[in-house]
PDB file of all heavy atoms in Angstrom:
ATOM      1  N   GLU A   1      -7.592  20.720  -2.718  1.00  0.00           N
ATOM      2  CA  GLU A   1      -7.252  19.815  -1.630  1.00  0.00           C
ATOM      3  C   GLU A   1      -6.220  20.504  -0.738  1.00  0.00           C
ATOM      4  O   GLU A   1      -5.449  21.325  -1.184  1.00  0.00           O
ATOM      5  CB  GLU A   1      -6.720  18.496  -2.187  1.00  0.00           C
ATOM      6  CG  GLU A   1      -6.521  17.383  -1.138  1.00  0.00           C
ATOM      7  CD  GLU A   1      -7.778  17.061  -0.364  1.00  0.00           C
ATOM      8  OE1 GLU A   1      -8.001  17.787   0.644  1.00  0.00           O
ATOM      9  OE2 GLU A   1      -8.499  16.120  -0.777  1.00  0.00           O
ATOM     10  N   TYR A   2      -6.229  20.123   0.562  1.00  0.00           N
ATOM     11  CA  TYR A   2      -5.316  20.714   1.531  1.00  0.00           C
ATOM     12  C   TYR A   2      -5.004  19.669   2.616  1.00  0.00           C
ATOM     13  O   TYR A   2      -5.889  18.914   2.993  1.00  0.00           O
ATOM     14  CB  TYR A   2      -5.934  21.946   2.198  1.00  0.00           C
ATOM     15  CG  TYR A   2      -5.140  22.446   3.372  1.00  0.00           C
ATOM     16  CD1 TYR A   2      -4.095  23.344   3.204  1.00  0.00           C
ATOM     17  CD2 TYR A   2      -5.423  22.032   4.649  1.00  0.00           C
ATOM     18  CE1 TYR A   2      -3.343  23.782   4.275  1.00  0.00           C
ATOM     19  CE2 TYR A   2      -4.667  22.477   5.733  1.00  0.00           C
ATOM     20  CZ  TYR A   2      -3.623  23.360   5.554  1.00  0.00           C
ATOM     21  OH  TYR A   2      -2.879  23.779   6.610  1.00  0.00           O
ATOM     22  N   GLY A   3      -3.776  19.682   3.123  1.00  0.00           N
ATOM     23  CA  GLY A   3      -3.434  18.812   4.224  1.00  0.00           C
ATOM     24  C   GLY A   3      -1.924  18.497   4.269  1.00  0.00           C
ATOM     25  O   GLY A   3      -1.146  19.084   3.500  1.00  0.00           O
ATOM     26  N   GLU A   4      -1.537  17.594   5.143  1.00  0.00           N
ATOM     27  CA  GLU A   4      -0.165  17.111   5.156  1.00  0.00           C
ATOM     28  C   GLU A   4       0.035  16.292   3.901  1.00  0.00           C
ATOM     29  O   GLU A   4      -0.827  15.511   3.507  1.00  0.00           O
ATOM     30  CB  GLU A   4       0.118  16.272   6.394  1.00  0.00           C
ATOM     31  CG  GLU A   4      -0.070  17.044   7.686  1.00  0.00           C
ATOM     32  CD  GLU A   4       0.120  16.164   8.908  1.00  0.00           C
ATOM     33  OE1 GLU A   4       0.548  14.953   8.747  1.00  0.00           O
ATOM     34  OE2 GLU A   4      -0.207  16.584  10.030  1.00  0.00           O
ATOM     35  N   PRO A   5       1.189  16.422   3.234  1.00  0.00           N
ATOM     36  CA  PRO A   5       1.395  15.687   1.973  1.00  0.00           C
ATOM     37  C   PRO A   5       1.124  14.176   2.050  1.00  0.00           C
ATOM     38  O   PRO A   5       0.383  13.636   1.222  1.00  0.00           O
ATOM     39  CB  PRO A   5       2.861  15.973   1.646  1.00  0.00           C
ATOM     40  CG  PRO A   5       3.159  17.271   2.277  1.00  0.00           C
ATOM     41  CD  PRO A   5       2.345  17.274   3.535  1.00  0.00           C
ATOM     42  N   ALA A   6       1.657  13.525   3.055  1.00  0.00           N
ATOM     43  CA  ALA A   6       1.474  12.079   3.176  1.00  0.00           C
ATOM     44  C   ALA A   6       0.023  11.740   3.443  1.00  0.00           C
ATOM     45  O   ALA A   6      -0.517  10.728   2.957  1.00  0.00           O
ATOM     46  CB  ALA A   6       2.377  11.493   4.274  1.00  0.00           C
ATOM     47  N   GLU A   7      -0.640  12.584   4.252  1.00  0.00           N
ATOM     48  CA  GLU A   7      -2.043  12.334   4.609  1.00  0.00           C
ATOM     49  C   GLU A   7      -2.942  12.485   3.397  1.00  0.00           C
ATOM     50  O   GLU A   7      -3.884  11.711   3.201  1.00  0.00           O
ATOM     51  CB  GLU A   7      -2.475  13.291   5.723  1.00  0.00           C
ATOM     52  CG  GLU A   7      -3.770  12.920   6.396  1.00  0.00           C
ATOM     53  CD  GLU A   7      -4.989  13.412   5.639  1.00  0.00           C
ATOM     54  OE1 GLU A   7      -4.877  14.489   5.006  1.00  0.00           O
ATOM     55  OE2 GLU A   7      -6.038  12.734   5.686  1.00  0.00           O
ATOM     56  N   ILE A   8      -2.662  13.473   2.558  1.00  0.00           N
ATOM     57  CA  ILE A   8      -3.425  13.672   1.321  1.00  0.00           C
ATOM     58  C   ILE A   8      -3.303  12.412   0.433  1.00  0.00           C
ATOM     59  O   ILE A   8      -4.283  11.900  -0.081  1.00  0.00           O
ATOM     60  CB  ILE A   8      -2.917  14.888   0.537  1.00  0.00           C
ATOM     61  CG1 ILE A   8      -3.301  16.182   1.260  1.00  0.00           C
ATOM     62  CG2 ILE A   8      -3.526  14.927  -0.881  1.00  0.00           C
ATOM     63  CD1 ILE A   8      -2.737  17.433   0.602  1.00  0.00           C
ATOM     64  N   CYS A   9      -2.090  11.912   0.291  1.00  0.00           N
ATOM     65  CA  CYS A   9      -1.879  10.715  -0.523  1.00  0.00           C
ATOM     66  C   CYS A   9      -2.609   9.498   0.058  1.00  0.00           C
ATOM     67  O   CYS A   9      -3.242   8.728  -0.695  1.00  0.00           O
ATOM     68  CB  CYS A   9      -0.387  10.432  -0.677  1.00  0.00           C
ATOM     69  SG  CYS A   9       0.508  11.701  -1.575  1.00  0.00           S
ATOM     70  N   ARG A  10      -2.555   9.338   1.361  1.00  0.00           N
ATOM     71  CA  ARG A  10      -3.288   8.184   1.961  1.00  0.00           C
ATOM     72  C   ARG A  10      -4.782   8.322   1.748  1.00  0.00           C
ATOM     73  O   ARG A  10      -5.475   7.299   1.577  1.00  0.00           O
ATOM     74  CB  ARG A  10      -2.954   8.114   3.482  1.00  0.00           C
ATOM     75  CG  ARG A  10      -1.548   7.647   3.795  1.00  0.00           C
ATOM     76  CD  ARG A  10      -1.425   7.310   5.263  1.00  0.00           C
ATOM     77  NE  ARG A  10      -1.670   8.443   6.137  1.00  0.00           N
ATOM     78  CZ  ARG A  10      -0.723   9.274   6.552  1.00  0.00           C
ATOM     79  NH1 ARG A  10       0.522   9.085   6.174  1.00  0.00           N
ATOM     80  NH2 ARG A  10      -0.987  10.266   7.352  1.00  0.00           N
ATOM     81  N   ARG A  11      -5.276   9.536   1.753  1.00  0.00           N
ATOM     82  CA  ARG A  11      -6.723   9.757   1.613  1.00  0.00           C
ATOM     83  C   ARG A  11      -7.228   9.262   0.272  1.00  0.00           C
ATOM     84  O   ARG A  11      -8.399   8.891   0.115  1.00  0.00           O
ATOM     85  CB  ARG A  11      -6.983  11.276   1.733  1.00  0.00           C
ATOM     86  CG  ARG A  11      -8.430  11.650   1.996  1.00  0.00           C
ATOM     87  CD  ARG A  11      -8.534  13.180   2.095  1.00  0.00           C
ATOM     88  NE  ARG A  11      -7.669  13.720   3.092  1.00  0.00           N
ATOM     89  CZ  ARG A  11      -7.264  15.009   3.148  1.00  0.00           C
ATOM     90  NH1 ARG A  11      -7.683  15.864   2.223  1.00  0.00           N
ATOM     91  NH2 ARG A  11      -6.465  15.430   4.103  1.00  0.00           N
ATOM     92  N   TYR A  12      -6.340   9.259  -0.755  1.00  0.00           N
ATOM     93  CA  TYR A  12      -6.740   8.840  -2.073  1.00  0.00           C
ATOM     94  C   TYR A  12      -6.187   7.460  -2.482  1.00  0.00           C
ATOM     95  O   TYR A  12      -6.132   7.140  -3.644  1.00  0.00           O
ATOM     96  CB  TYR A  12      -6.317   9.902  -3.110  1.00  0.00           C
ATOM     97  CG  TYR A  12      -7.125  11.179  -2.967  1.00  0.00           C
ATOM     98  CD1 TYR A  12      -6.760  12.145  -2.043  1.00  0.00           C
ATOM     99  CD2 TYR A  12      -8.260  11.367  -3.736  1.00  0.00           C
ATOM    100  CE1 TYR A  12      -7.541  13.290  -1.908  1.00  0.00           C
ATOM    101  CE2 TYR A  12      -9.034  12.513  -3.588  1.00  0.00           C
ATOM    102  CZ  TYR A  12      -8.671  13.473  -2.668  1.00  0.00           C
ATOM    103  OH  TYR A  12      -9.451  14.613  -2.508  1.00  0.00           O
ATOM    104  N   ASP A  13      -5.870   6.665  -1.476  1.00  0.00           N
ATOM    105  CA  ASP A  13      -5.414   5.296  -1.739  1.00  0.00           C
ATOM    106  C   ASP A  13      -6.640   4.419  -1.951  1.00  0.00           C
ATOM    107  O   ASP A  13      -7.199   3.856  -1.006  1.00  0.00           O
ATOM    108  CB  ASP A  13      -4.561   4.781  -0.582  1.00  0.00           C
ATOM    109  CG  ASP A  13      -3.990   3.409  -0.831  1.00  0.00           C
ATOM    110  OD1 ASP A  13      -4.180   2.875  -1.952  1.00  0.00           O
ATOM    111  OD2 ASP A  13      -3.348   2.855   0.078  1.00  0.00           O
ATOM    112  N   ARG A  14      -7.069   4.319  -3.199  1.00  0.00           N
ATOM    113  CA  ARG A  14      -8.249   3.528  -3.508  1.00  0.00           C
ATOM    114  C   ARG A  14      -7.996   2.032  -3.459  1.00  0.00           C
ATOM    115  O   ARG A  14      -8.869   1.252  -3.123  1.00  0.00           O
ATOM    116  CB  ARG A  14      -8.771   3.886  -4.908  1.00  0.00           C
ATOM    117  CG  ARG A  14      -8.926   5.375  -5.211  1.00  0.00           C
ATOM    118  CD  ARG A  14      -9.907   6.047  -4.315  1.00  0.00           C
ATOM    119  NE  ARG A  14     -10.209   7.416  -4.781  1.00  0.00           N
ATOM    120  CZ  ARG A  14     -10.754   8.305  -4.053  1.00  0.00           C
ATOM    121  NH1 ARG A  14     -11.113   8.059  -2.778  1.00  0.00           N
ATOM    122  NH2 ARG A  14     -10.991   9.547  -4.509  1.00  0.00           N
ATOM    123  N   LEU A  15      -6.763   1.618  -3.802  1.00  0.00           N
ATOM    124  CA  LEU A  15      -6.469   0.185  -3.902  1.00  0.00           C
ATOM    125  C   LEU A  15      -6.253  -0.461  -2.538  1.00  0.00           C
ATOM    126  O   LEU A  15      -6.680  -1.622  -2.332  1.00  0.00           O
ATOM    127  CB  LEU A  15      -5.221  -0.029  -4.776  1.00  0.00           C
ATOM    128  CG  LEU A  15      -5.328   0.448  -6.209  1.00  0.00           C
ATOM    129  CD1 LEU A  15      -4.003   0.238  -6.943  1.00  0.00           C
ATOM    130  CD2 LEU A  15      -6.440  -0.293  -6.942  1.00  0.00           C
ATOM    131  N   LYS A  16      -5.622   0.246  -1.633  1.00  0.00           N
ATOM    132  CA  LYS A  16      -5.278  -0.278  -0.285  1.00  0.00           C
ATOM    133  C   LYS A  16      -4.608  -1.643  -0.390  1.00  0.00           C
ATOM    134  O   LYS A  16      -5.035  -2.601   0.190  1.00  0.00           O
ATOM    135  CB  LYS A  16      -6.550  -0.318   0.577  1.00  0.00           C
ATOM    136  CG  LYS A  16      -7.178   1.051   0.766  1.00  0.00           C
ATOM    137  CD  LYS A  16      -8.214   1.019   1.840  1.00  0.00           C
ATOM    138  CE  LYS A  16      -8.879   2.394   1.971  1.00  0.00           C
ATOM    139  NZ  LYS A  16      -7.946   3.465   2.311  1.00  0.00           N
ATOM    140  N   LYS A  17      -3.542  -1.680  -1.178  1.00  0.00           N
ATOM    141  CA  LYS A  17      -2.778  -2.909  -1.371  1.00  0.00           C
ATOM    142  C   LYS A  17      -1.344  -2.713  -0.874  1.00  0.00           C
ATOM    143  O   LYS A  17      -0.897  -1.569  -0.650  1.00  0.00           O
ATOM    144  CB  LYS A  17      -2.741  -3.294  -2.874  1.00  0.00           C
ATOM    145  CG  LYS A  17      -4.085  -3.494  -3.518  1.00  0.00           C
ATOM    146  CD  LYS A  17      -4.740  -4.792  -3.104  1.00  0.00           C
ATOM    147  CE  LYS A  17      -6.014  -5.023  -3.917  1.00  0.00           C
ATOM    148  NZ  LYS A  17      -6.681  -6.281  -3.532  1.00  0.00           N
ATOM    149  N   LEU A  18      -0.612  -3.817  -0.734  1.00  0.00           N
ATOM    150  CA  LEU A  18       0.787  -3.811  -0.446  1.00  0.00           C
ATOM    151  C   LEU A  18       1.502  -4.541  -1.579  1.00  0.00           C
ATOM    152  O   LEU A  18       1.178  -5.632  -1.942  1.00  0.00           O
ATOM    153  CB  LEU A  18       1.075  -4.547   0.858  1.00  0.00           C
ATOM    154  CG  LEU A  18       0.526  -3.897   2.126  1.00  0.00           C
ATOM    155  CD1 LEU A  18       0.707  -4.806   3.323  1.00  0.00           C
ATOM    156  CD2 LEU A  18       1.189  -2.540   2.390  1.00  0.00           C
ATOM    157  N   ASN A  19       2.498  -3.840  -2.177  1.00  0.00           N
ATOM    158  CA  ASN A  19       3.321  -4.443  -3.210  1.00  0.00           C
ATOM    159  C   ASN A  19       4.586  -4.970  -2.589  1.00  0.00           C
ATOM    160  O   ASN A  19       5.369  -4.207  -2.021  1.00  0.00           O
ATOM    161  CB  ASN A  19       3.665  -3.417  -4.306  1.00  0.00           C
ATOM    162  CG  ASN A  19       2.451  -2.985  -5.087  1.00  0.00           C
ATOM    163  OD1 ASN A  19       1.514  -3.772  -5.249  1.00  0.00           O
ATOM    164  ND2 ASN A  19       2.425  -1.760  -5.576  1.00  0.00           N
ATOM    165  N   ILE A  20       4.781  -6.274  -2.664  1.00  0.00           N
ATOM    166  CA  ILE A  20       5.921  -6.924  -1.997  1.00  0.00           C
ATOM    167  C   ILE A  20       6.822  -7.548  -3.088  1.00  0.00           C
ATOM    168  O   ILE A  20       6.372  -8.194  -4.022  1.00  0.00           O
ATOM    169  CB  ILE A  20       5.433  -8.035  -1.051  1.00  0.00           C
ATOM    170  CG1 ILE A  20       4.670  -7.400   0.112  1.00  0.00           C
ATOM    171  CG2 ILE A  20       6.610  -8.858  -0.521  1.00  0.00           C
ATOM    172  CD1 ILE A  20       3.988  -8.381   0.978  1.00  0.00           C
ATOM    173  N   ARG A  21       8.115  -7.280  -2.949  1.00  0.00           N
ATOM    174  CA  ARG A  21       9.136  -7.919  -3.824  1.00  0.00           C
ATOM    175  C   ARG A  21      10.029  -8.767  -2.969  1.00  0.00           C
ATOM    176  O   ARG A  21      10.567  -8.307  -1.955  1.00  0.00           O
ATOM    177  CB  ARG A  21       9.924  -6.828  -4.578  1.00  0.00           C
ATOM    178  CG  ARG A  21      10.951  -7.449  -5.549  1.00  0.00           C
ATOM    179  CD  ARG A  21      11.713  -6.374  -6.295  1.00  0.00           C
ATOM    180  NE  ARG A  21      12.749  -6.939  -7.138  1.00  0.00           N
ATOM    181  CZ  ARG A  21      12.519  -7.355  -8.395  1.00  0.00           C
ATOM    182  NH1 ARG A  21      11.302  -7.253  -8.906  1.00  0.00           N
ATOM    183  NH2 ARG A  21      13.508  -7.865  -9.113  1.00  0.00           N
ATOM    184  N   LEU A  22      10.179 -10.036  -3.378  1.00  0.00           N
ATOM    185  CA  LEU A  22      11.041 -10.967  -2.660  1.00  0.00           C
ATOM    186  C   LEU A  22      12.432 -10.986  -3.260  1.00  0.00           C
ATOM    187  O   LEU A  22      12.636 -10.558  -4.396  1.00  0.00           O
ATOM    188  CB  LEU A  22      10.417 -12.373  -2.700  1.00  0.00           C
ATOM    189  CG  LEU A  22       8.995 -12.478  -2.122  1.00  0.00           C
ATOM    190  CD1 LEU A  22       8.519 -13.923  -2.176  1.00  0.00           C
ATOM    191  CD2 LEU A  22       8.922 -11.941  -0.694  1.00  0.00           C
ATOM    192  N   ARG A  23      13.357 -11.532  -2.520  1.00  0.00           N
ATOM    193  CA  ARG A  23      14.758 -11.534  -2.953  1.00  0.00           C
ATOM    194  C   ARG A  23      14.967 -12.419  -4.212  1.00  0.00           C
ATOM    195  O   ARG A  23      15.955 -12.211  -4.926  1.00  0.00           O
ATOM    196  CB  ARG A  23      15.663 -12.045  -1.836  1.00  0.00           C
ATOM    197  CG  ARG A  23      15.684 -11.111  -0.617  1.00  0.00           C
ATOM    198  CD  ARG A  23      16.731 -11.520   0.403  1.00  0.00           C
ATOM    199  NE  ARG A  23      16.638 -10.707   1.587  1.00  0.00           N
ATOM    200  CZ  ARG A  23      17.179  -9.461   1.691  1.00  0.00           C
ATOM    201  NH1 ARG A  23      17.821  -8.956   0.659  1.00  0.00           N
ATOM    202  NH2 ARG A  23      17.074  -8.790   2.814  1.00  0.00           N
ATOM    203  N   ASP A  24      14.061 -13.331  -4.477  1.00  0.00           N
ATOM    204  CA  ASP A  24      14.217 -14.144  -5.709  1.00  0.00           C
ATOM    205  C   ASP A  24      13.615 -13.438  -6.918  1.00  0.00           C
ATOM    206  O   ASP A  24      13.584 -13.984  -8.013  1.00  0.00           O
ATOM    207  CB  ASP A  24      13.534 -15.502  -5.518  1.00  0.00           C
ATOM    208  CG  ASP A  24      12.034 -15.399  -5.313  1.00  0.00           C
ATOM    209  OD1 ASP A  24      11.461 -14.298  -5.421  1.00  0.00           O
ATOM    210  OD2 ASP A  24      11.398 -16.451  -5.022  1.00  0.00           O
ATOM    211  N   GLY A  25      13.146 -12.202  -6.755  1.00  0.00           N
ATOM    212  CA  GLY A  25      12.643 -11.423  -7.868  1.00  0.00           C
ATOM    213  C   GLY A  25      11.135 -11.488  -8.064  1.00  0.00           C
ATOM    214  O   GLY A  25      10.576 -10.716  -8.861  1.00  0.00           O
ATOM    215  N   SER A  26      10.486 -12.382  -7.352  1.00  0.00           N
ATOM    216  CA  SER A  26       9.031 -12.485  -7.495  1.00  0.00           C
ATOM    217  C   SER A  26       8.349 -11.326  -6.768  1.00  0.00           C
ATOM    218  O   SER A  26       8.845 -10.770  -5.806  1.00  0.00           O
ATOM    219  CB  SER A  26       8.548 -13.829  -6.938  1.00  0.00           C
ATOM    220  OG  SER A  26       8.893 -13.969  -5.567  1.00  0.00           O
ATOM    221  N   GLU A  27       7.159 -10.964  -7.319  1.00  0.00           N
ATOM    222  CA  GLU A  27       6.370  -9.857  -6.727  1.00  0.00           C
ATOM    223  C   GLU A  27       5.013 -10.362  -6.315  1.00  0.00           C
ATOM    224  O   GLU A  27       4.387 -11.157  -7.011  1.00  0.00           O
ATOM    225  CB  GLU A  27       6.251  -8.746  -7.752  1.00  0.00           C
ATOM    226  CG  GLU A  27       7.578  -8.079  -8.109  1.00  0.00           C
ATOM    227  CD  GLU A  27       7.442  -6.852  -8.991  1.00  0.00           C
ATOM    228  OE1 GLU A  27       6.254  -6.507  -9.314  1.00  0.00           O
ATOM    229  OE2 GLU A  27       8.460  -6.265  -9.349  1.00  0.00           O
ATOM    230  N   ILE A  28       4.553  -9.899  -5.174  1.00  0.00           N
ATOM    231  CA  ILE A  28       3.317 -10.345  -4.581  1.00  0.00           C
ATOM    232  C   ILE A  28       2.473  -9.116  -4.173  1.00  0.00           C
ATOM    233  O   ILE A  28       3.034  -8.139  -3.660  1.00  0.00           O
ATOM    234  CB  ILE A  28       3.574 -11.241  -3.333  1.00  0.00           C
ATOM    235  CG1 ILE A  28       4.361 -12.464  -3.757  1.00  0.00           C
ATOM    236  CG2 ILE A  28       2.287 -11.629  -2.644  1.00  0.00           C
ATOM    237  CD1 ILE A  28       4.941 -13.229  -2.572  1.00  0.00           C
ATOM    238  N   ILE A  29       1.196  -9.167  -4.424  1.00  0.00           N
ATOM    239  CA  ILE A  29       0.298  -8.104  -4.006  1.00  0.00           C
ATOM    240  C   ILE A  29      -0.656  -8.624  -2.971  1.00  0.00           C
ATOM    241  O   ILE A  29      -1.333  -9.643  -3.185  1.00  0.00           O
ATOM    242  CB  ILE A  29      -0.502  -7.548  -5.225  1.00  0.00           C
ATOM    243  CG1 ILE A  29       0.446  -6.918  -6.233  1.00  0.00           C
ATOM    244  CG2 ILE A  29      -1.491  -6.473  -4.739  1.00  0.00           C
ATOM    245  CD1 ILE A  29      -0.243  -6.413  -7.470  1.00  0.00           C
ATOM    246  N   LEU A  30      -0.673  -7.970  -1.804  1.00  0.00           N
ATOM    247  CA  LEU A  30      -1.534  -8.385  -0.699  1.00  0.00           C
ATOM    248  C   LEU A  30      -2.476  -7.255  -0.324  1.00  0.00           C
ATOM    249  O   LEU A  30      -2.197  -6.084  -0.570  1.00  0.00           O
ATOM    250  CB  LEU A  30      -0.696  -8.778   0.527  1.00  0.00           C
ATOM    251  CG  LEU A  30       0.266  -9.960   0.369  1.00  0.00           C
ATOM    252  CD1 LEU A  30       1.081 -10.128   1.657  1.00  0.00           C
ATOM    253  CD2 LEU A  30      -0.490 -11.247   0.051  1.00  0.00           C
ATOM    254  N   GLU A  31      -3.569  -7.580   0.352  1.00  0.00           N
ATOM    255  CA  GLU A  31      -4.436  -6.577   0.945  1.00  0.00           C
ATOM    256  C   GLU A  31      -3.685  -5.863   2.033  1.00  0.00           C
ATOM    257  O   GLU A  31      -2.969  -6.476   2.826  1.00  0.00           O
ATOM    258  CB  GLU A  31      -5.706  -7.237   1.495  1.00  0.00           C
ATOM    259  CG  GLU A  31      -6.611  -7.860   0.453  1.00  0.00           C
ATOM    260  CD  GLU A  31      -7.242  -6.829  -0.461  1.00  0.00           C
ATOM    261  OE1 GLU A  31      -7.498  -5.704  -0.016  1.00  0.00           O
ATOM    262  OE2 GLU A  31      -7.485  -7.193  -1.635  1.00  0.00           O
ATOM    263  N   ASN A  32      -3.868  -4.554   2.106  1.00  0.00           N
ATOM    264  CA  ASN A  32      -3.290  -3.778   3.219  1.00  0.00           C
ATOM    265  C   ASN A  32      -4.245  -3.871   4.389  1.00  0.00           C
ATOM    266  O   ASN A  32      -5.027  -2.959   4.697  1.00  0.00           O
ATOM    267  CB  ASN A  32      -3.068  -2.324   2.770  1.00  0.00           C
ATOM    268  CG  ASN A  32      -2.231  -1.537   3.799  1.00  0.00           C
ATOM    269  OD1 ASN A  32      -1.962  -2.026   4.874  1.00  0.00           O
ATOM    270  ND2 ASN A  32      -1.832  -0.336   3.402  1.00  0.00           N
ATOM    271  N   SER A  33      -4.140  -5.018   5.105  1.00  0.00           N
ATOM    272  CA  SER A  33      -5.077  -5.316   6.179  1.00  0.00           C
ATOM    273  C   SER A  33      -4.371  -6.236   7.189  1.00  0.00           C
ATOM    274  O   SER A  33      -3.358  -6.860   6.873  1.00  0.00           O
ATOM    275  CB  SER A  33      -6.324  -5.991   5.635  1.00  0.00           C
ATOM    276  OG  SER A  33      -6.013  -7.284   5.141  1.00  0.00           O
ATOM    277  N   PRO A  34      -4.915  -6.327   8.407  1.00  0.00           N
ATOM    278  CA  PRO A  34      -4.314  -7.214   9.399  1.00  0.00           C
ATOM    279  C   PRO A  34      -4.217  -8.676   8.943  1.00  0.00           C
ATOM    280  O   PRO A  34      -3.362  -9.403   9.418  1.00  0.00           O
ATOM    281  CB  PRO A  34      -5.271  -7.074  10.615  1.00  0.00           C
ATOM    282  CG  PRO A  34      -5.905  -5.728  10.417  1.00  0.00           C
ATOM    283  CD  PRO A  34      -6.054  -5.554   8.940  1.00  0.00           C
ATOM    284  N   GLN A  35      -5.105  -9.085   8.045  1.00  0.00           N
ATOM    285  CA  GLN A  35      -5.095 -10.479   7.583  1.00  0.00           C
ATOM    286  C   GLN A  35      -3.819 -10.841   6.831  1.00  0.00           C
ATOM    287  O   GLN A  35      -3.482 -12.020   6.691  1.00  0.00           O
ATOM    288  CB  GLN A  35      -6.318 -10.717   6.677  1.00  0.00           C
ATOM    289  CG  GLN A  35      -7.652 -10.804   7.425  1.00  0.00           C
ATOM    290  CD  GLN A  35      -8.113  -9.430   7.958  1.00  0.00           C
ATOM    291  OE1 GLN A  35      -7.859  -8.410   7.295  1.00  0.00           O
ATOM    292  NE2 GLN A  35      -8.724  -9.430   9.113  1.00  0.00           N
ATOM    293  N   SER A  36      -3.073  -9.834   6.348  1.00  0.00           N
ATOM    294  CA  SER A  36      -1.855 -10.103   5.615  1.00  0.00           C
ATOM    295  C   SER A  36      -0.618 -10.168   6.519  1.00  0.00           C
ATOM    296  O   SER A  36       0.479 -10.487   6.050  1.00  0.00           O
ATOM    297  CB  SER A  36      -1.607  -8.981   4.559  1.00  0.00           C
ATOM    298  OG  SER A  36      -2.691  -8.951   3.643  1.00  0.00           O
ATOM    299  N   ALA A  37      -0.804  -9.876   7.795  1.00  0.00           N
ATOM    300  CA  ALA A  37       0.344  -9.737   8.701  1.00  0.00           C
ATOM    301  C   ALA A  37       1.141 -11.028   8.828  1.00  0.00           C
ATOM    302  O   ALA A  37       2.393 -10.984   8.806  1.00  0.00           O
ATOM    303  CB  ALA A  37      -0.137  -9.277  10.071  1.00  0.00           C
TER     304      ALA A  37
END
């Protein structure tokens, strides 16, 4: 594999999720998509 380090990592992001942690300690997983905005 070859490329910019961050671009290589994005290329292999199979899950395409966002891991969110709130101040109350709870954790939420959302789709990495405009619908989560």
